[in-house]
Amino acid sequence: MRARREWKPFRNSAEIERLHLELASFNDQIAELEKLHPESWKIEALKTSALLLSRQIDELRCSSDDLTSLLAK
């Protein structure tokens, strides 16, 4: 017997929302640092973290969209 994956749309939605909030926080920090210290190395580190978060959000959305379309069939 095969193991079945359970679809949990609310968990994905909650995870996406959490990542959006974390991304917004990074963006706020980046904007503040750019005002105070335009050449700060911290800005690049925050931008890298923000990009990684946005990729995670995209991956979660894509997996959720794929699952939704499969369930609709």
N, C-alpha and C. Protein backbone atom coordinates (compact mmCIF):
# COMPACT_ATOMS: atom_id res chain seq x y z
N MET A 1 0.85 -1.18 0.00
CA MET A 1 0.00 0.00 0.00
C MET A 1 0.89 1.24 0.00
N ARG A 2 0.54 2.16 -0.84
CA ARG A 2 1.29 3.41 -0.94
C ARG A 2 0.89 4.38 0.16
N ALA A 3 1.88 5.12 0.61
CA ALA A 3 1.58 6.19 1.57
C ALA A 3 0.96 7.35 0.81
N ARG A 4 -0.07 7.93 1.37
CA ARG A 4 -0.74 9.05 0.71
C ARG A 4 -0.37 10.34 1.41
N ARG A 5 -0.10 11.33 0.60
CA ARG A 5 0.16 12.66 1.16
C ARG A 5 -1.16 13.34 1.43
N GLU A 6 -1.22 13.96 2.56
CA GLU A 6 -2.43 14.68 2.92
C GLU A 6 -2.28 16.14 2.51
N TRP A 7 -3.29 16.66 1.82
CA TRP A 7 -3.26 18.05 1.38
C TRP A 7 -3.70 18.94 2.51
N LYS A 8 -2.86 19.90 2.85
CA LYS A 8 -3.16 20.83 3.93
C LYS A 8 -3.07 22.26 3.41
N PRO A 9 -4.12 22.75 2.73
CA PRO A 9 -4.05 24.09 2.15
C PRO A 9 -3.89 25.19 3.18
N PHE A 10 -4.46 25.00 4.37
CA PHE A 10 -4.36 26.06 5.37
C PHE A 10 -2.94 26.19 5.90
N ARG A 11 -2.25 25.06 6.01
CA ARG A 11 -0.86 25.12 6.47
C ARG A 11 -0.03 25.89 5.46
N ASN A 12 -0.22 25.59 4.17
CA ASN A 12 0.52 26.31 3.14
C ASN A 12 0.16 27.79 3.13
N SER A 13 -1.10 28.09 3.29
CA SER A 13 -1.52 29.49 3.33
C SER A 13 -0.91 30.21 4.52
N ALA A 14 -0.91 29.54 5.64
CA ALA A 14 -0.32 30.14 6.84
C ALA A 14 1.19 30.33 6.66
N GLU A 15 1.82 29.33 6.05
CA GLU A 15 3.26 29.42 5.81
C GLU A 15 3.58 30.56 4.84
N ILE A 16 2.78 30.69 3.79
CA ILE A 16 2.98 31.77 2.83
C ILE A 16 2.79 33.12 3.51
N GLU A 17 1.78 33.23 4.34
CA GLU A 17 1.53 34.49 5.06
C GLU A 17 2.69 34.81 5.99
N ARG A 18 3.20 33.80 6.71
CA ARG A 18 4.33 34.02 7.60
C ARG A 18 5.55 34.49 6.82
N LEU A 19 5.80 33.87 5.67
CA LEU A 19 6.94 34.26 4.85
C LEU A 19 6.76 35.67 4.29
N HIS A 20 5.53 36.03 3.93
CA HIS A 20 5.26 37.39 3.45
C HIS A 20 5.58 38.42 4.54
N LEU A 21 5.18 38.12 5.76
CA LEU A 21 5.46 39.04 6.88
C LEU A 21 6.96 39.15 7.13
N GLU A 22 7.65 38.03 7.04
CA GLU A 22 9.10 38.05 7.23
C GLU A 22 9.78 38.84 6.10
N LEU A 23 9.28 38.66 4.89
CA LEU A 23 9.82 39.39 3.74
C LEU A 23 9.56 40.89 3.89
N ALA A 24 8.39 41.27 4.35
CA ALA A 24 8.08 42.68 4.58
C ALA A 24 9.03 43.27 5.62
N SER A 25 9.33 42.49 6.64
CA SER A 25 10.26 42.95 7.67
C SER A 25 11.66 43.18 7.08
N PHE A 26 12.12 42.24 6.24
CA PHE A 26 13.41 42.43 5.58
C PHE A 26 13.40 43.69 4.72
N ASN A 27 12.32 43.89 3.98
CA ASN A 27 12.24 45.07 3.11
C ASN A 27 12.28 46.37 3.91
N ASP A 28 11.59 46.37 5.07
CA ASP A 28 11.63 47.55 5.94
C ASP A 28 13.04 47.81 6.46
N GLN A 29 13.71 46.73 6.87
CA GLN A 29 15.08 46.87 7.37
C GLN A 29 16.02 47.37 6.27
N ILE A 30 15.84 46.86 5.07
CA ILE A 30 16.68 47.28 3.94
C ILE A 30 16.48 48.77 3.67
N ALA A 31 15.22 49.21 3.64
CA ALA A 31 14.93 50.62 3.38
C ALA A 31 15.54 51.51 4.46
N GLU A 32 15.44 51.09 5.71
CA GLU A 32 16.00 51.87 6.82
C GLU A 32 17.52 51.95 6.74
N LEU A 33 18.15 50.80 6.45
CA LEU A 33 19.61 50.79 6.33
C LEU A 33 20.10 51.63 5.14
N GLU A 34 19.35 51.59 4.05
CA GLU A 34 19.74 52.39 2.88
C GLU A 34 19.69 53.88 3.19
N LYS A 35 18.75 54.28 4.03
CA LYS A 35 18.68 55.68 4.43
C LYS A 35 19.88 56.07 5.30
N LEU A 36 20.20 55.20 6.25
CA LEU A 36 21.25 55.50 7.22
C LEU A 36 22.67 55.27 6.69
N HIS A 37 22.85 54.14 6.04
CA HIS A 37 24.19 53.74 5.59
C HIS A 37 24.10 53.11 4.20
N PRO A 38 24.09 53.90 3.16
CA PRO A 38 23.89 53.37 1.80
C PRO A 38 24.90 52.32 1.36
N GLU A 39 26.10 52.32 1.92
CA GLU A 39 27.11 51.35 1.49
C GLU A 39 27.24 50.17 2.45
N SER A 40 26.34 50.02 3.36
CA SER A 40 26.45 48.99 4.38
C SER A 40 26.39 47.59 3.79
N TRP A 41 27.27 46.69 4.26
CA TRP A 41 27.28 45.31 3.82
C TRP A 41 26.05 44.57 4.31
N LYS A 42 25.42 45.08 5.36
CA LYS A 42 24.21 44.45 5.90
C LYS A 42 23.07 44.49 4.89
N ILE A 43 23.06 45.53 4.07
CA ILE A 43 22.01 45.67 3.06
C ILE A 43 22.06 44.48 2.11
N GLU A 44 23.24 44.12 1.66
CA GLU A 44 23.37 42.99 0.74
C GLU A 44 22.95 41.68 1.39
N ALA A 45 23.29 41.52 2.67
CA ALA A 45 22.89 40.31 3.38
C ALA A 45 21.37 40.23 3.51
N LEU A 46 20.74 41.36 3.81
CA LEU A 46 19.28 41.39 3.92
C LEU A 46 18.62 41.15 2.57
N LYS A 47 19.19 41.72 1.51
CA LYS A 47 18.63 41.51 0.17
C LYS A 47 18.72 40.03 -0.22
N THR A 48 19.82 39.39 0.13
CA THR A 48 19.97 37.97 -0.16
C THR A 48 18.92 37.16 0.59
N SER A 49 18.72 37.48 1.86
CA SER A 49 17.70 36.79 2.65
C SER A 49 16.30 37.03 2.08
N ALA A 50 16.05 38.24 1.66
CA ALA A 50 14.74 38.57 1.08
C ALA A 50 14.51 37.77 -0.21
N LEU A 51 15.53 37.65 -1.03
CA LEU A 51 15.40 36.86 -2.26
C LEU A 51 15.13 35.39 -1.97
N LEU A 52 15.81 34.85 -0.98
CA LEU A 52 15.58 33.46 -0.60
C LEU A 52 14.14 33.25 -0.11
N LEU A 53 13.64 34.20 0.67
CA LEU A 53 12.26 34.11 1.14
C LEU A 53 11.26 34.18 -0.01
N SER A 54 11.52 35.08 -0.95
CA SER A 54 10.59 35.20 -2.07
C SER A 54 10.58 33.92 -2.91
N ARG A 55 11.73 33.25 -3.01
CA ARG A 55 11.77 31.96 -3.72
C ARG A 55 10.96 30.90 -2.97
N GLN A 56 11.07 30.90 -1.63
CA GLN A 56 10.29 29.95 -0.85
C GLN A 56 8.79 30.18 -1.03
N ILE A 57 8.40 31.44 -1.05
CA ILE A 57 6.99 31.78 -1.26
C ILE A 57 6.54 31.27 -2.62
N ASP A 58 7.34 31.51 -3.66
CA ASP A 58 7.01 31.03 -5.00
C ASP A 58 6.89 29.52 -5.05
N GLU A 59 7.82 28.82 -4.39
CA GLU A 59 7.77 27.35 -4.38
C GLU A 59 6.51 26.84 -3.69
N LEU A 60 6.16 27.46 -2.57
CA LEU A 60 4.94 27.05 -1.86
C LEU A 60 3.70 27.33 -2.70
N ARG A 61 3.67 28.48 -3.33
CA ARG A 61 2.52 28.80 -4.18
C ARG A 61 2.40 27.83 -5.34
N CYS A 62 3.51 27.54 -5.98
CA CYS A 62 3.49 26.62 -7.13
C CYS A 62 3.04 25.23 -6.69
N SER A 63 3.56 24.75 -5.58
CA SER A 63 3.17 23.41 -5.13
C SER A 63 1.69 23.40 -4.75
N SER A 64 1.21 24.47 -4.18
CA SER A 64 -0.20 24.57 -3.82
C SER A 64 -1.06 24.64 -5.07
N ASP A 65 -0.66 25.41 -6.07
CA ASP A 65 -1.40 25.52 -7.32
C ASP A 65 -1.43 24.19 -8.06
N ASP A 66 -0.29 23.50 -8.09
CA ASP A 66 -0.23 22.20 -8.75
C ASP A 66 -1.16 21.21 -8.08
N LEU A 67 -1.15 21.20 -6.76
CA LEU A 67 -1.98 20.29 -6.01
C LEU A 67 -3.46 20.60 -6.22
N THR A 68 -3.80 21.88 -6.23
CA THR A 68 -5.18 22.28 -6.44
C THR A 68 -5.68 21.83 -7.81
N SER A 69 -4.84 22.01 -8.84
CA SER A 69 -5.27 21.60 -10.18
C SER A 69 -5.39 20.08 -10.29
N LEU A 70 -4.54 19.34 -9.58
CA LEU A 70 -4.64 17.88 -9.60
C LEU A 70 -5.90 17.42 -8.89
N LEU A 71 -6.24 18.06 -7.80
CA LEU A 71 -7.45 17.68 -7.06
C LEU A 71 -8.72 18.03 -7.83
N ALA A 72 -8.65 19.04 -8.67
CA ALA A 72 -9.82 19.46 -9.43
C ALA A 72 -10.16 18.46 -10.55
N LYS A 73 -9.17 17.65 -10.94
CA LYS A 73 -9.39 16.70 -12.04
C LYS A 73 -10.22 15.51 -11.63
